[in-house]
């Protein structure tokens, strides 16, 4: 299956504003552009839209982990997981 990725719209970012505010507050993480965050000079987190809706891709070592973000329950599960790291 081919996944079509695109940057996220301003409207979609607005729905994730609380989440984005938390990313901005993480020490050492910098916002490179809308929905794109980096740490230690490397991309760390990207918010995108694709055929699944909103997704967040988080770097874990050399790999990227993908999380669906379209529904409130998906965002809550993601934050619980990220909260354990930070």
N, C-alpha and C. Protein backbone atom coordinates (compact mmCIF):
# COMPACT_ATOMS: atom_id res chain seq x y z
N UNK A 1 0.84 -1.18 0.00
CA UNK A 1 0.00 0.00 0.00
C UNK A 1 0.88 1.24 0.00
N UNK A 2 0.61 2.15 -0.88
CA UNK A 2 1.36 3.39 -0.97
C UNK A 2 0.73 4.43 -0.05
N UNK A 3 1.53 5.04 0.80
CA UNK A 3 1.04 6.07 1.70
C UNK A 3 1.43 7.42 1.11
N UNK A 4 0.44 8.25 0.89
CA UNK A 4 0.69 9.58 0.37
C UNK A 4 0.83 10.52 1.55
N UNK A 5 1.96 11.18 1.64
CA UNK A 5 2.21 12.10 2.74
C UNK A 5 2.14 13.53 2.25
N UNK A 6 1.64 14.37 3.09
CA UNK A 6 1.66 15.78 2.77
C UNK A 6 1.85 16.55 4.07
N UNK A 7 2.25 17.78 3.92
CA UNK A 7 2.36 18.61 5.11
C UNK A 7 0.97 18.83 5.66
N UNK A 8 0.91 19.23 6.89
CA UNK A 8 -0.37 19.38 7.57
C UNK A 8 -0.91 20.80 7.37
N UNK A 9 -2.22 20.91 7.26
CA UNK A 9 -2.84 22.22 7.06
C UNK A 9 -2.87 23.01 8.36
N UNK A 10 -2.99 24.31 8.22
CA UNK A 10 -3.10 25.18 9.39
C UNK A 10 -4.32 24.80 10.22
N UNK A 11 -5.42 24.47 9.56
CA UNK A 11 -6.63 24.07 10.27
C UNK A 11 -6.36 22.83 11.14
N UNK A 12 -5.69 21.85 10.58
CA UNK A 12 -5.40 20.63 11.33
C UNK A 12 -4.46 20.91 12.49
N UNK A 13 -3.48 21.77 12.27
CA UNK A 13 -2.58 22.14 13.37
C UNK A 13 -3.34 22.84 14.49
N UNK A 14 -4.34 23.63 14.13
CA UNK A 14 -5.15 24.30 15.15
C UNK A 14 -5.85 23.29 16.04
N UNK A 15 -6.29 22.16 15.50
CA UNK A 15 -6.96 21.15 16.31
C UNK A 15 -6.00 20.46 17.27
N UNK A 16 -4.71 20.55 16.99
CA UNK A 16 -3.68 19.93 17.84
C UNK A 16 -2.90 20.96 18.65
N UNK A 17 -3.42 22.18 18.78
CA UNK A 17 -2.66 23.26 19.41
C UNK A 17 -2.19 22.93 20.82
N UNK A 18 -3.04 22.29 21.62
CA UNK A 18 -2.63 21.92 22.98
C UNK A 18 -1.45 20.96 22.96
N UNK A 19 -1.49 20.02 22.07
CA UNK A 19 -0.41 19.04 21.91
C UNK A 19 0.87 19.72 21.44
N UNK A 20 0.74 20.61 20.47
CA UNK A 20 1.89 21.32 19.93
C UNK A 20 2.52 22.20 21.01
N UNK A 21 1.70 22.81 21.85
CA UNK A 21 2.23 23.62 22.96
C UNK A 21 3.09 22.78 23.89
N UNK A 22 2.69 21.53 24.12
CA UNK A 22 3.50 20.64 24.95
C UNK A 22 4.84 20.32 24.30
N UNK A 23 4.83 20.09 22.97
CA UNK A 23 6.09 19.83 22.27
C UNK A 23 7.03 21.03 22.37
N UNK A 24 6.46 22.23 22.24
CA UNK A 24 7.26 23.46 22.31
C UNK A 24 7.90 23.63 23.68
N UNK A 25 7.28 23.07 24.71
CA UNK A 25 7.78 23.22 26.08
C UNK A 25 8.86 22.20 26.45
N UNK A 26 9.12 21.21 25.60
CA UNK A 26 10.13 20.19 25.91
C UNK A 26 11.52 20.80 25.73
N UNK A 27 12.34 20.79 26.79
CA UNK A 27 13.69 21.34 26.68
C UNK A 27 14.50 20.64 25.58
N UNK A 28 15.18 21.42 24.77
CA UNK A 28 16.02 20.87 23.72
C UNK A 28 15.31 20.57 22.41
N UNK A 29 14.00 20.75 22.37
CA UNK A 29 13.22 20.52 21.15
C UNK A 29 12.89 21.87 20.54
N UNK A 30 13.11 22.00 19.25
CA UNK A 30 12.87 23.26 18.54
C UNK A 30 11.93 23.02 17.37
N UNK A 31 11.06 23.99 17.14
CA UNK A 31 10.11 23.89 16.04
C UNK A 31 10.78 24.44 14.78
N UNK A 32 10.96 23.59 13.80
CA UNK A 32 11.62 23.98 12.54
C UNK A 32 10.63 24.59 11.55
N UNK A 33 9.39 24.21 11.67
CA UNK A 33 8.35 24.69 10.77
C UNK A 33 7.03 24.16 11.28
N UNK A 34 5.93 24.49 10.60
CA UNK A 34 4.63 24.02 11.07
C UNK A 34 4.57 22.49 11.17
N UNK A 35 4.43 22.01 12.40
CA UNK A 35 4.29 20.57 12.61
C UNK A 35 5.58 19.77 12.53
N UNK A 36 6.73 20.46 12.52
CA UNK A 36 8.02 19.77 12.42
C UNK A 36 8.90 20.22 13.59
N UNK A 37 9.34 19.23 14.39
CA UNK A 37 10.15 19.52 15.57
C UNK A 37 11.46 18.74 15.50
N UNK A 38 12.52 19.35 16.03
CA UNK A 38 13.85 18.72 15.99
C UNK A 38 14.51 18.85 17.35
N UNK A 39 15.43 17.95 17.60
CA UNK A 39 16.25 17.98 18.81
C UNK A 39 17.64 17.50 18.46
N UNK A 40 18.65 18.13 19.00
CA UNK A 40 20.05 17.78 18.72
C UNK A 40 20.36 17.83 17.23
N UNK A 41 19.73 18.76 16.53
CA UNK A 41 20.01 18.94 15.10
C UNK A 41 19.37 17.92 14.18
N UNK A 42 18.56 17.01 14.72
CA UNK A 42 17.92 15.98 13.90
C UNK A 42 16.41 16.09 14.02
N UNK A 43 15.69 15.78 12.93
CA UNK A 43 14.23 15.75 13.03
C UNK A 43 13.81 14.77 14.13
N UNK A 44 12.84 15.18 14.94
CA UNK A 44 12.38 14.33 16.03
C UNK A 44 10.92 13.95 15.87
N UNK A 45 10.09 14.90 15.46
CA UNK A 45 8.66 14.65 15.37
C UNK A 45 8.09 15.44 14.20
N UNK A 46 7.19 14.79 13.45
CA UNK A 46 6.54 15.43 12.31
C UNK A 46 5.06 15.13 12.35
N UNK A 47 4.25 16.15 12.18
CA UNK A 47 2.81 15.97 12.10
C UNK A 47 2.44 16.09 10.63
N UNK A 48 1.70 15.11 10.13
CA UNK A 48 1.36 15.07 8.71
C UNK A 48 -0.10 14.68 8.51
N UNK A 49 -0.55 14.91 7.30
CA UNK A 49 -1.85 14.41 6.87
C UNK A 49 -1.59 13.40 5.77
N UNK A 50 -2.31 12.31 5.80
CA UNK A 50 -2.22 11.34 4.71
C UNK A 50 -3.57 10.65 4.58
N UNK A 51 -3.59 9.52 3.91
CA UNK A 51 -4.84 8.82 3.67
C UNK A 51 -5.50 8.34 4.96
N UNK A 52 -4.74 8.23 6.05
CA UNK A 52 -5.29 7.83 7.35
C UNK A 52 -5.80 9.01 8.15
N UNK A 53 -5.61 10.22 7.68
CA UNK A 53 -5.96 11.42 8.44
C UNK A 53 -4.70 12.02 9.03
N UNK A 54 -4.81 12.55 10.23
CA UNK A 54 -3.64 13.14 10.90
C UNK A 54 -2.79 12.04 11.51
N UNK A 55 -1.50 12.13 11.31
CA UNK A 55 -0.56 11.19 11.91
C UNK A 55 0.63 11.96 12.44
N UNK A 56 1.25 11.40 13.45
CA UNK A 56 2.50 11.94 13.99
C UNK A 56 3.55 10.85 13.84
N UNK A 57 4.69 11.24 13.32
CA UNK A 57 5.82 10.33 13.18
C UNK A 57 6.90 10.80 14.14
N UNK A 58 7.37 9.90 14.99
CA UNK A 58 8.36 10.23 16.01
C UNK A 58 9.60 9.37 15.78
N UNK A 59 10.75 10.02 15.75
CA UNK A 59 12.01 9.28 15.57
C UNK A 59 12.34 8.50 16.84
N UNK A 60 12.68 7.26 16.63
CA UNK A 60 13.12 6.38 17.71
C UNK A 60 14.39 5.71 17.23
N UNK A 61 15.54 6.27 17.57
CA UNK A 61 16.80 5.78 17.03
C UNK A 61 16.88 6.12 15.56
N UNK A 62 17.07 5.11 14.72
CA UNK A 62 17.13 5.31 13.27
C UNK A 62 15.75 5.18 12.62
N UNK A 63 14.80 4.65 13.36
CA UNK A 63 13.47 4.38 12.81
C UNK A 63 12.48 5.46 13.21
N UNK A 64 11.36 5.45 12.51
CA UNK A 64 10.25 6.36 12.82
C UNK A 64 9.06 5.53 13.26
N UNK A 65 8.41 5.95 14.35
CA UNK A 65 7.18 5.31 14.79
C UNK A 65 6.02 6.22 14.39
N UNK A 66 4.96 5.61 13.94
CA UNK A 66 3.81 6.35 13.40
C UNK A 66 2.61 6.19 14.32
N UNK A 67 1.97 7.31 14.63
CA UNK A 67 0.80 7.32 15.50
C UNK A 67 -0.34 8.07 14.84
N UNK A 68 -1.51 7.46 14.82
CA UNK A 68 -2.70 8.15 14.30
C UNK A 68 -3.10 9.23 15.31
N UNK A 69 -3.58 10.37 14.80
CA UNK A 69 -3.91 11.50 15.68
C UNK A 69 -5.26 12.13 15.37
N UNK A 70 -6.07 11.51 14.54
CA UNK A 70 -7.33 12.13 14.11
C UNK A 70 -8.38 12.20 15.21
N UNK A 71 -8.41 11.21 16.08
CA UNK A 71 -9.44 11.14 17.12
C UNK A 71 -8.85 11.53 18.48
N UNK A 72 -9.67 12.11 19.36
CA UNK A 72 -9.19 12.50 20.69
C UNK A 72 -8.56 11.33 21.46
N UNK A 73 -9.13 10.13 21.33
CA UNK A 73 -8.58 8.97 22.05
C UNK A 73 -7.17 8.64 21.55
N UNK A 74 -6.95 8.81 20.26
CA UNK A 74 -5.63 8.53 19.68
C UNK A 74 -4.60 9.54 20.21
N UNK A 75 -5.01 10.80 20.32
CA UNK A 75 -4.11 11.83 20.83
C UNK A 75 -3.80 11.58 22.30
N UNK A 76 -4.79 11.18 23.07
CA UNK A 76 -4.58 10.88 24.50
C UNK A 76 -3.61 9.72 24.68
N UNK A 77 -3.77 8.67 23.90
CA UNK A 77 -2.87 7.51 23.98
C UNK A 77 -1.45 7.91 23.60
N UNK A 78 -1.32 8.75 22.57
CA UNK A 78 0.00 9.22 22.15
C UNK A 78 0.66 10.02 23.27
N UNK A 79 -0.09 10.95 23.88
CA UNK A 79 0.49 11.77 24.94
C UNK A 79 0.89 10.94 26.15
N UNK A 80 0.11 9.92 26.47
CA UNK A 80 0.47 9.05 27.59
C UNK A 80 1.80 8.36 27.30
N UNK A 81 1.98 7.95 26.07
CA UNK A 81 3.23 7.28 25.69
C UNK A 81 4.42 8.25 25.70
N UNK A 82 4.23 9.43 25.12
CA UNK A 82 5.30 10.43 25.10
C UNK A 82 5.61 10.92 26.51
N UNK A 83 4.58 11.04 27.35
CA UNK A 83 4.77 11.48 28.74
C UNK A 83 5.68 10.56 29.54
N UNK A 84 5.69 9.29 29.20
CA UNK A 84 6.58 8.35 29.90
C UNK A 84 8.04 8.59 29.53
N UNK A 85 8.26 9.14 28.34
CA UNK A 85 9.63 9.42 27.88
C UNK A 85 10.15 10.70 28.52
N UNK A 86 9.27 11.71 28.61
CA UNK A 86 9.68 13.00 29.14
C UNK A 86 9.10 13.20 30.50
